[in-house]
Amino acid sequence: MAISDERAPDHFTERMEPESAHPRIFWEHVERYRFARQFVRDKRVLDIACGEGYGASGLARAGASSLIGVDVSPETCEHARTKYGIDARPGDAQAIPLPDRSVDVVVSFETIEHVPAPETFVDECTRVLAEDGTLVISTPNRPVYTGDSSSNPFHVREFDEDEFRELLGRKFREVTLYTQFPRTAAWWHPRSLAAEHSQWLKVKGFWRLSTLLCPALRPQLDAGARNAVENLIQQNDRLPSSLFNPYVVRPIRHDSGERPYIFVAVARGVRV
């Protein structure tokens, strides 16, 4: 069984509900929030498009000094407040309901491709950020995710690497790119161990070994994991599991030959 077999059912699922999400969707989101933990301790944090609140709650547990979630759906915000006790507010990503320079970190996962005016969204992120603030943001890599034209009905605009870097570079002094879920990678590079179409899958026993070592690859997700998503966000990825885990966020490495489905960017220092 290849990773691609596990990808199809929720290819166009746009909200992650821990209780029902396909394992691939579940682990993609968990790993992004695990990655964001390192930026939030003792910081004022905003989670844009916070959804049902598990990620925002996980960042609060990771040591944020304050945490605000914003989502376009009032009902979803009410759910987040009730279930997780977070400060979740209805709002538009293109008109964030916060004052200027009011947060230190903005987290925005799989949001920018949904908004009609991505430039306005980035402007709003920089408006609410402190001048030395940080934006942690992810988006699909268009050439790998959907090709030249998006077939995802929920996406307004997708980006390739240069477009994503250039958009963020207009407003931030430093932009560092990371990748998630490689579709392919050079067979000789360690990242090929986690690639969806890895050459190693042709080796007898490789898939069985990788699923044994990496729980994120298993086709079933038990209720215990689904009910403990906030705790999972607090855990660190460890060897050897992380070698086989396609959802771990890693620094971009062009020498690996990888073609990732997702880019994650860390943008620092607001241009004023």
C-alpha atoms as a PDB file:
ATOM      1  CA  MET A   1       0.000   0.000   0.000  1.00  0.00           C
ATOM      2  CA  ALA A   2       1.473   3.363  -1.030  1.00  0.00           C
ATOM      3  CA  ILE A   3       0.945   6.626   0.805  1.00  0.00           C
ATOM      4  CA  SER A   4      -1.028   7.855  -2.192  1.00  0.00           C
ATOM      5  CA  ASP A   5      -3.703   5.267  -1.438  1.00  0.00           C
ATOM      6  CA  GLU A   6      -4.273   7.026   1.858  1.00  0.00           C
ATOM      7  CA  ARG A   7      -4.426  10.483   0.285  1.00  0.00           C
ATOM      8  CA  ALA A   8      -7.428  10.305  -2.007  1.00  0.00           C
ATOM      9  CA  PRO A   9     -10.490  10.203   0.307  1.00  0.00           C
ATOM     10  CA  ASP A  10     -10.004  13.637   1.901  1.00  0.00           C
ATOM     11  CA  HIS A  11      -8.109  15.338  -0.903  1.00  0.00           C
ATOM     12  CA  PHE A  12     -10.514  18.292  -0.780  1.00  0.00           C
ATOM     13  CA  THR A  13     -11.362  18.308   2.923  1.00  0.00           C
ATOM     14  CA  GLU A  14     -10.717  21.867   4.064  1.00  0.00           C
ATOM     15  CA  ARG A  15     -11.309  21.599   7.831  1.00  0.00           C
ATOM     16  CA  MET A  16      -9.636  19.077  10.052  1.00  0.00           C
ATOM     17  CA  GLU A  17     -12.027  17.568  12.563  1.00  0.00           C
ATOM     18  CA  PRO A  18      -9.911  15.356  14.864  1.00  0.00           C
ATOM     19  CA  GLU A  19     -12.741  12.934  15.556  1.00  0.00           C
ATOM     20  CA  SER A  20     -13.361  12.084  11.898  1.00  0.00           C
ATOM     21  CA  ALA A  21     -10.433  13.237   9.736  1.00  0.00           C
ATOM     22  CA  HIS A  22      -8.626  10.818   7.452  1.00  0.00           C
ATOM     23  CA  PRO A  23      -5.273   9.832   9.058  1.00  0.00           C
ATOM     24  CA  ARG A  24      -3.291  11.708   6.413  1.00  0.00           C
ATOM     25  CA  ILE A  25      -5.206  14.941   7.020  1.00  0.00           C
ATOM     26  CA  PHE A  26      -4.940  14.432  10.784  1.00  0.00           C
ATOM     27  CA  TRP A  27      -1.170  13.983  10.821  1.00  0.00           C
ATOM     28  CA  GLU A  28      -0.492  16.767   8.318  1.00  0.00           C
ATOM     29  CA  HIS A  29      -2.167  19.228  10.655  1.00  0.00           C
ATOM     30  CA  VAL A  30      -0.637  17.841  13.836  1.00  0.00           C
ATOM     31  CA  GLU A  31       2.852  18.117  12.385  1.00  0.00           C
ATOM     32  CA  ARG A  32       2.355  21.720  11.277  1.00  0.00           C
ATOM     33  CA  TYR A  33       1.347  22.723  14.781  1.00  0.00           C
ATOM     34  CA  ARG A  34       4.248  20.736  16.232  1.00  0.00           C
ATOM     35  CA  PHE A  35       6.520  22.803  14.015  1.00  0.00           C
ATOM     36  CA  ALA A  36       4.906  26.079  15.135  1.00  0.00           C
ATOM     37  CA  ARG A  37       5.458  25.328  18.822  1.00  0.00           C
ATOM     38  CA  GLN A  38       9.067  26.509  18.681  1.00  0.00           C
ATOM     39  CA  PHE A  39       8.000  30.080  17.850  1.00  0.00           C
ATOM     40  CA  VAL A  40       5.276  30.730  20.430  1.00  0.00           C
ATOM     41  CA  ARG A  41       6.687  30.447  23.944  1.00  0.00           C
ATOM     42  CA  ASP A  42       6.071  33.677  25.897  1.00  0.00           C
ATOM     43  CA  LYS A  43       4.643  35.281  22.747  1.00  0.00           C
ATOM     44  CA  ARG A  44       1.287  36.842  21.916  1.00  0.00           C
ATOM     45  CA  VAL A  45      -0.056  34.475  19.263  1.00  0.00           C
ATOM     46  CA  LEU A  46      -2.811  34.731  16.666  1.00  0.00           C
ATOM     47  CA  ASP A  47      -4.055  31.630  14.837  1.00  0.00           C
ATOM     48  CA  ILE A  48      -5.842  32.681  11.648  1.00  0.00           C
ATOM     49  CA  ALA A  49      -8.485  30.224  10.394  1.00  0.00           C
ATOM     50  CA  CYS A  50      -8.192  28.388  13.694  1.00  0.00           C
ATOM     51  CA  GLY A  51     -11.003  26.019  12.797  1.00  0.00           C
ATOM     52  CA  GLU A  52     -12.420  23.973  15.641  1.00  0.00           C
ATOM     53  CA  GLY A  53      -9.587  25.058  17.919  1.00  0.00           C
ATOM     54  CA  TYR A  54      -7.363  22.030  18.576  1.00  0.00           C
ATOM     55  CA  GLY A  55      -4.260  23.709  17.086  1.00  0.00           C
ATOM     56  CA  ALA A  56      -4.741  27.019  18.850  1.00  0.00           C
ATOM     57  CA  SER A  57      -5.228  25.140  22.105  1.00  0.00           C
ATOM     58  CA  GLY A  58      -2.059  23.153  21.410  1.00  0.00           C
ATOM     59  CA  LEU A  59      -0.077  26.371  20.914  1.00  0.00           C
ATOM     60  CA  ALA A  60      -1.477  27.786  24.139  1.00  0.00           C
ATOM     61  CA  ARG A  61      -0.286  24.658  25.933  1.00  0.00           C
ATOM     62  CA  ALA A  62       3.135  25.109  24.285  1.00  0.00           C
ATOM     63  CA  GLY A  63       3.650  28.296  26.285  1.00  0.00           C
ATOM     64  CA  ALA A  64       2.127  31.202  24.389  1.00  0.00           C
ATOM     65  CA  SER A  65       1.628  34.153  26.736  1.00  0.00           C
ATOM     66  CA  SER A  66      -1.723  34.778  25.045  1.00  0.00           C
ATOM     67  CA  LEU A  67      -3.601  33.067  22.232  1.00  0.00           C
ATOM     68  CA  ILE A  68      -6.355  34.377  19.989  1.00  0.00           C
ATOM     69  CA  GLY A  69      -8.041  32.314  17.308  1.00  0.00           C
ATOM     70  CA  VAL A  70      -9.887  33.900  14.393  1.00  0.00           C
ATOM     71  CA  ASP A  71     -12.179  32.019  12.032  1.00  0.00           C
ATOM     72  CA  VAL A  72     -14.731  33.114   9.471  1.00  0.00           C
ATOM     73  CA  SER A  73     -17.403  30.869  11.003  1.00  0.00           C
ATOM     74  CA  PRO A  74     -19.100  32.150  14.199  1.00  0.00           C
ATOM     75  CA  GLU A  75     -20.367  28.638  14.940  1.00  0.00           C
ATOM     76  CA  THR A  76     -16.859  27.221  14.696  1.00  0.00           C
ATOM     77  CA  CYS A  77     -15.561  29.927  17.047  1.00  0.00           C
ATOM     78  CA  GLU A  78     -18.280  29.106  19.542  1.00  0.00           C
ATOM     79  CA  HIS A  79     -17.265  25.435  19.362  1.00  0.00           C
ATOM     80  CA  ALA A  80     -13.612  26.358  19.958  1.00  0.00           C
ATOM     81  CA  ARG A  81     -14.505  28.487  22.967  1.00  0.00           C
ATOM     82  CA  THR A  82     -16.710  25.782  24.444  1.00  0.00           C
ATOM     83  CA  LYS A  83     -14.487  22.767  23.790  1.00  0.00           C
ATOM     84  CA  TYR A  84     -11.040  24.265  24.396  1.00  0.00           C
ATOM     85  CA  GLY A  85     -11.662  27.476  26.331  1.00  0.00           C
ATOM     86  CA  ILE A  86      -9.676  29.576  23.871  1.00  0.00           C
ATOM     87  CA  ASP A  87     -10.380  33.156  22.844  1.00  0.00           C
ATOM     88  CA  ALA A  88     -11.858  32.455  19.399  1.00  0.00           C
ATOM     89  CA  ARG A  89     -13.333  35.379  17.474  1.00  0.00           C
ATOM     90  CA  PRO A  90     -15.264  35.523  14.194  1.00  0.00           C
ATOM     91  CA  GLY A  91     -13.393  37.453  11.536  1.00  0.00           C
ATOM     92  CA  ASP A  92     -12.144  37.729   7.984  1.00  0.00           C
ATOM     93  CA  ALA A  93      -8.499  36.957   7.211  1.00  0.00           C
ATOM     94  CA  GLN A  94      -8.499  40.010   4.949  1.00  0.00           C
ATOM     95  CA  ALA A  95      -9.750  42.259   7.764  1.00  0.00           C
ATOM     96  CA  ILE A  96      -8.334  40.775  10.963  1.00  0.00           C
ATOM     97  CA  PRO A  97     -10.330  42.015  13.990  1.00  0.00           C
ATOM     98  CA  LEU A  98      -7.267  43.012  16.025  1.00  0.00           C
ATOM     99  CA  PRO A  99      -5.417  46.304  16.610  1.00  0.00           C
ATOM    100  CA  ASP A 100      -2.133  47.211  14.904  1.00  0.00           C
ATOM    101  CA  ARG A 101       1.041  45.629  16.380  1.00  0.00           C
ATOM    102  CA  SER A 102      -0.974  43.595  18.889  1.00  0.00           C
ATOM    103  CA  VAL A 103       0.652  40.146  18.442  1.00  0.00           C
ATOM    104  CA  ASP A 104       4.150  38.693  18.165  1.00  0.00           C
ATOM    105  CA  VAL A 105       3.381  35.590  16.093  1.00  0.00           C
ATOM    106  CA  VAL A 106       0.745  34.877  13.466  1.00  0.00           C
ATOM    107  CA  VAL A 107       0.112  31.229  12.585  1.00  0.00           C
ATOM    108  CA  SER A 108      -1.787  30.599   9.347  1.00  0.00           C
ATOM    109  CA  PHE A 109      -2.033  27.071   7.985  1.00  0.00           C
ATOM    110  CA  GLU A 110      -3.707  26.345   4.624  1.00  0.00           C
ATOM    111  CA  THR A 111      -5.479  29.715   4.553  1.00  0.00           C
ATOM    112  CA  ILE A 112      -3.879  31.981   1.980  1.00  0.00           C
ATOM    113  CA  GLU A 113      -4.966  29.859  -0.979  1.00  0.00           C
ATOM    114  CA  HIS A 114      -8.608  30.429   0.024  1.00  0.00           C
ATOM    115  CA  VAL A 115      -8.704  34.223   0.139  1.00  0.00           C
ATOM    116  CA  PRO A 116      -9.629  36.363  -2.893  1.00  0.00           C
ATOM    117  CA  ALA A 117      -6.788  38.828  -2.227  1.00  0.00           C
ATOM    118  CA  PRO A 118      -3.659  37.085  -0.856  1.00  0.00           C
ATOM    119  CA  GLU A 119      -1.709  40.371  -0.848  1.00  0.00           C
ATOM    120  CA  THR A 120      -4.349  41.936   1.415  1.00  0.00           C
ATOM    121  CA  PHE A 121      -4.152  38.964   3.741  1.00  0.00           C
ATOM    122  CA  VAL A 122      -0.373  39.312   4.060  1.00  0.00           C
ATOM    123  CA  ASP A 123      -0.801  43.070   4.601  1.00  0.00           C
ATOM    124  CA  GLU A 124      -3.212  42.341   7.427  1.00  0.00           C
ATOM    125  CA  CYS A 125      -0.790  39.882   9.025  1.00  0.00           C
ATOM    126  CA  THR A 126       1.958  42.508   8.973  1.00  0.00           C
ATOM    127  CA  ARG A 127      -0.413  45.145  10.343  1.00  0.00           C
ATOM    128  CA  VAL A 128      -1.256  43.157  13.481  1.00  0.00           C
ATOM    129  CA  LEU A 129       2.324  41.896  13.989  1.00  0.00           C
ATOM    130  CA  ALA A 130       4.960  43.637  16.062  1.00  0.00           C
ATOM    131  CA  GLU A 131       7.799  44.950  13.901  1.00  0.00           C
ATOM    132  CA  ASP A 132      10.031  42.062  14.961  1.00  0.00           C
ATOM    133  CA  GLY A 133       7.157  39.612  14.656  1.00  0.00           C
ATOM    134  CA  THR A 134       6.976  36.215  12.949  1.00  0.00           C
ATOM    135  CA  LEU A 135       4.504  34.732  10.479  1.00  0.00           C
ATOM    136  CA  VAL A 136       4.334  30.914  10.270  1.00  0.00           C
ATOM    137  CA  ILE A 137       2.306  30.066   7.198  1.00  0.00           C
ATOM    138  CA  SER A 138       1.664  27.078   4.919  1.00  0.00           C
ATOM    139  CA  THR A 139       0.155  26.592   1.479  1.00  0.00           C
ATOM    140  CA  PRO A 140       0.026  23.881  -1.198  1.00  0.00           C
ATOM    141  CA  ASN A 141       2.840  23.776  -3.751  1.00  0.00           C
ATOM    142  CA  ARG A 142       0.815  24.252  -6.936  1.00  0.00           C
ATOM    143  CA  PRO A 143       3.012  22.335  -9.439  1.00  0.00           C
ATOM    144  CA  VAL A 144       2.856  19.202  -7.282  1.00  0.00           C
ATOM    145  CA  TYR A 145      -0.487  19.610  -5.534  1.00  0.00           C
ATOM    146  CA  THR A 146      -2.690  20.289  -8.552  1.00  0.00           C
ATOM    147  CA  GLY A 147      -0.507  21.110 -11.574  1.00  0.00           C
ATOM    148  CA  ASP A 148      -0.970  24.165 -13.744  1.00  0.00           C
ATOM    149  CA  SER A 149      -4.631  24.690 -12.910  1.00  0.00           C
ATOM    150  CA  SER A 150      -6.232  23.957  -9.549  1.00  0.00           C
ATOM    151  CA  SER A 151      -8.995  21.375  -9.434  1.00  0.00           C
ATOM    152  CA  ASN A 152      -9.743  22.141  -5.787  1.00  0.00           C
ATOM    153  CA  PRO A 153     -13.043  24.055  -5.711  1.00  0.00           C
ATOM    154  CA  PHE A 154     -12.167  25.672  -2.363  1.00  0.00           C
ATOM    155  CA  HIS A 155      -8.919  27.264  -3.556  1.00  0.00           C
ATOM    156  CA  VAL A 156      -8.871  30.711  -5.129  1.00  0.00           C
ATOM    157  CA  ARG A 157      -5.153  30.846  -5.877  1.00  0.00           C
ATOM    158  CA  GLU A 158      -2.255  28.463  -5.320  1.00  0.00           C
ATOM    159  CA  PHE A 159       1.464  29.284  -5.446  1.00  0.00           C
ATOM    160  CA  ASP A 160       4.715  27.793  -6.615  1.00  0.00           C
ATOM    161  CA  GLU A 161       7.916  28.251  -4.614  1.00  0.00           C
ATOM    162  CA  ASP A 162       9.044  31.484  -6.267  1.00  0.00           C
ATOM    163  CA  GLU A 163       5.593  33.085  -6.085  1.00  0.00           C
ATOM    164  CA  PHE A 164       5.171  32.210  -2.415  1.00  0.00           C
ATOM    165  CA  ARG A 165       8.637  33.454  -1.485  1.00  0.00           C
ATOM    166  CA  GLU A 166       8.186  36.676  -3.474  1.00  0.00           C
ATOM    167  CA  LEU A 167       4.771  37.426  -1.956  1.00  0.00           C
ATOM    168  CA  LEU A 168       6.107  37.127   1.589  1.00  0.00           C
ATOM    169  CA  GLY A 169       9.377  38.892   0.762  1.00  0.00           C
ATOM    170  CA  ARG A 170       7.504  42.070  -0.103  1.00  0.00           C
ATOM    171  CA  LYS A 171       6.486  42.483   3.530  1.00  0.00           C
ATOM    172  CA  PHE A 172       9.141  40.611   5.533  1.00  0.00           C
ATOM    173  CA  ARG A 173      12.905  41.060   5.733  1.00  0.00           C
ATOM    174  CA  GLU A 174      13.612  37.325   6.117  1.00  0.00           C
ATOM    175  CA  VAL A 175      11.738  34.386   4.590  1.00  0.00           C
ATOM    176  CA  THR A 176      12.767  30.774   5.270  1.00  0.00           C
ATOM    177  CA  LEU A 177      11.020  27.952   3.456  1.00  0.00           C
ATOM    178  CA  TYR A 178      10.288  24.443   4.694  1.00  0.00           C
ATOM    179  CA  THR A 179       8.563  21.496   3.061  1.00  0.00           C
ATOM    180  CA  GLN A 180       5.999  18.889   4.036  1.00  0.00           C
ATOM    181  CA  PHE A 181       4.915  15.627   2.394  1.00  0.00           C
ATOM    182  CA  PRO A 182       7.336  14.995  -0.491  1.00  0.00           C
ATOM    183  CA  ARG A 183       5.729  13.417  -3.522  1.00  0.00           C
ATOM    184  CA  THR A 184       9.120  12.277  -4.802  1.00  0.00           C
ATOM    185  CA  ALA A 185      12.777  12.656  -3.804  1.00  0.00           C
ATOM    186  CA  ALA A 186      16.082  11.359  -5.138  1.00  0.00           C
ATOM    187  CA  TRP A 187      16.372   7.677  -4.207  1.00  0.00           C
ATOM    188  CA  TRP A 188      19.777   8.176  -2.629  1.00  0.00           C
ATOM    189  CA  HIS A 189      18.650  10.994  -0.313  1.00  0.00           C
ATOM    190  CA  PRO A 190      17.205  10.223   3.163  1.00  0.00           C
ATOM    191  CA  ARG A 191      14.075  12.170   2.262  1.00  0.00           C
ATOM    192  CA  SER A 192      13.180   9.486  -0.240  1.00  0.00           C
ATOM    193  CA  LEU A 193      12.322   7.257   2.732  1.00  0.00           C
ATOM    194  CA  ALA A 194       9.284   9.466   3.371  1.00  0.00           C
ATOM    195  CA  ALA A 195       8.300  10.213  -0.226  1.00  0.00           C
ATOM    196  CA  GLU A 196       4.854   9.240  -1.449  1.00  0.00           C
ATOM    197  CA  HIS A 197       6.299   7.644  -4.583  1.00  0.00           C
ATOM    198  CA  SER A 198       9.545   6.434  -3.059  1.00  0.00           C
ATOM    199  CA  GLN A 199      11.695   4.032  -5.025  1.00  0.00           C
ATOM    200  CA  TRP A 200      12.128   2.167  -1.741  1.00  0.00           C
ATOM    201  CA  LEU A 201       8.501   1.045  -1.926  1.00  0.00           C
ATOM    202  CA  LYS A 202       9.662  -1.445  -4.573  1.00  0.00           C
ATOM    203  CA  VAL A 203      11.816  -3.164  -1.955  1.00  0.00           C
ATOM    204  CA  LYS A 204      10.022  -6.093  -0.363  1.00  0.00           C
ATOM    205  CA  GLY A 205       9.132  -5.367   3.254  1.00  0.00           C
ATOM    206  CA  PHE A 206       9.850  -1.632   3.117  1.00  0.00           C
ATOM    207  CA  TRP A 207       6.239  -0.534   3.555  1.00  0.00           C
ATOM    208  CA  ARG A 208       5.690  -2.976   6.417  1.00  0.00           C
ATOM    209  CA  LEU A 209       8.850  -1.764   8.156  1.00  0.00           C
ATOM    210  CA  SER A 210       8.017   1.912   7.702  1.00  0.00           C
ATOM    211  CA  THR A 211       4.481   1.522   9.056  1.00  0.00           C
ATOM    212  CA  LEU A 212       5.836  -0.460  11.990  1.00  0.00           C
ATOM    213  CA  LEU A 213       8.298   2.296  12.868  1.00  0.00           C
ATOM    214  CA  CYS A 214       6.096   5.305  12.013  1.00  0.00           C
ATOM    215  CA  PRO A 215       2.556   5.399  13.490  1.00  0.00           C
ATOM    216  CA  ALA A 216       1.582   8.284  11.190  1.00  0.00           C
ATOM    217  CA  LEU A 217       1.680   5.908   8.205  1.00  0.00           C
ATOM    218  CA  ARG A 218      -0.768   3.396   9.608  1.00  0.00           C
ATOM    219  CA  PRO A 219      -4.115   3.237   7.799  1.00  0.00           C
ATOM    220  CA  GLN A 220      -6.145   3.391  10.994  1.00  0.00           C
ATOM    221  CA  LEU A 221      -6.116   6.032  13.725  1.00  0.00           C
ATOM    222  CA  ASP A 222      -7.447   4.950  17.083  1.00  0.00           C
ATOM    223  CA  ALA A 223      -9.848   6.969  19.198  1.00  0.00           C
ATOM    224  CA  GLY A 224      -7.179   7.574  21.811  1.00  0.00           C
ATOM    225  CA  ALA A 225      -5.057   9.535  19.362  1.00  0.00           C
ATOM    226  CA  ARG A 226      -8.044  11.439  18.009  1.00  0.00           C
ATOM    227  CA  ASN A 227      -9.079  12.466  21.508  1.00  0.00           C
ATOM    228  CA  ALA A 228      -5.546  13.513  22.478  1.00  0.00           C
ATOM    229  CA  VAL A 229      -4.657  15.771  19.553  1.00  0.00           C
ATOM    230  CA  GLU A 230      -3.553  18.627  21.848  1.00  0.00           C
ATOM    231  CA  ASN A 231      -1.173  16.255  23.627  1.00  0.00           C
ATOM    232  CA  LEU A 232       0.141  14.917  20.326  1.00  0.00           C
ATOM    233  CA  ILE A 233       1.042  18.471  19.300  1.00  0.00           C
ATOM    234  CA  GLN A 234       3.295  18.710  22.372  1.00  0.00           C
ATOM    235  CA  GLN A 235       5.299  15.619  21.425  1.00  0.00           C
ATOM    236  CA  ASN A 236       8.553  15.685  19.457  1.00  0.00           C
ATOM    237  CA  ASP A 237       9.297  13.592  16.401  1.00  0.00           C
ATOM    238  CA  ARG A 238      12.044  11.087  17.093  1.00  0.00           C
ATOM    239  CA  LEU A 239      14.245   8.744  15.150  1.00  0.00           C
ATOM    240  CA  PRO A 240      13.712   6.330  13.511  1.00  0.00           C
ATOM    241  CA  SER A 241      10.019   7.204  13.120  1.00  0.00           C
ATOM    242  CA  SER A 242      10.735  10.684  11.761  1.00  0.00           C
ATOM    243  CA  LEU A 243      12.801   9.281   8.864  1.00  0.00           C
ATOM    244  CA  PHE A 244       9.686   7.644   7.425  1.00  0.00           C
ATOM    245  CA  ASN A 245       7.168  10.325   8.407  1.00  0.00           C
ATOM    246  CA  PRO A 246       6.159  12.362   5.331  1.00  0.00           C
ATOM    247  CA  TYR A 247       4.285  14.913   7.412  1.00  0.00           C
ATOM    248  CA  VAL A 248       7.274  16.231   9.386  1.00  0.00           C
ATOM    249  CA  VAL A 249       8.091  19.834   8.406  1.00  0.00           C
ATOM    250  CA  ARG A 250      11.688  19.982   7.189  1.00  0.00           C
ATOM    251  CA  PRO A 251      13.970  22.763   5.849  1.00  0.00           C
ATOM    252  CA  ILE A 252      13.800  22.996   2.092  1.00  0.00           C
ATOM    253  CA  ARG A 253      16.645  21.070   0.422  1.00  0.00           C
ATOM    254  CA  HIS A 254      16.917  21.489  -3.313  1.00  0.00           C
ATOM    255  CA  ASP A 255      19.763  18.970  -3.423  1.00  0.00           C
ATOM    256  CA  SER A 256      17.349  16.275  -2.215  1.00  0.00           C
ATOM    257  CA  GLY A 257      15.383  16.374  -5.459  1.00  0.00           C
ATOM    258  CA  GLU A 258      12.184  16.465  -3.420  1.00  0.00           C
ATOM    259  CA  ARG A 259       8.910  17.734  -4.860  1.00  0.00           C
ATOM    260  CA  PRO A 260       6.726  18.566  -1.846  1.00  0.00           C
ATOM    261  CA  TYR A 261       2.969  18.900  -1.715  1.00  0.00           C
ATOM    262  CA  ILE A 262       3.156  21.645   0.939  1.00  0.00           C
ATOM    263  CA  PHE A 263       5.370  24.654   1.616  1.00  0.00           C
ATOM    264  CA  VAL A 264       5.674  26.079   5.122  1.00  0.00           C
ATOM    265  CA  ALA A 265       7.298  29.497   5.478  1.00  0.00           C
ATOM    266  CA  VAL A 266       8.669  31.348   8.471  1.00  0.00           C
ATOM    267  CA  ALA A 267       8.716  35.076   7.710  1.00  0.00           C
ATOM    268  CA  ARG A 268      10.375  37.429  10.169  1.00  0.00           C
ATOM    269  CA  GLY A 269      10.788  41.152  10.553  1.00  0.00           C
ATOM    270  CA  VAL A 270       7.998  43.331   9.190  1.00  0.00           C
ATOM    271  CA  ARG A 271       9.059  45.804   6.530  1.00  0.00           C
ATOM    272  CA  VAL A 272       7.870  49.267   7.558  1.00  0.00           C
END
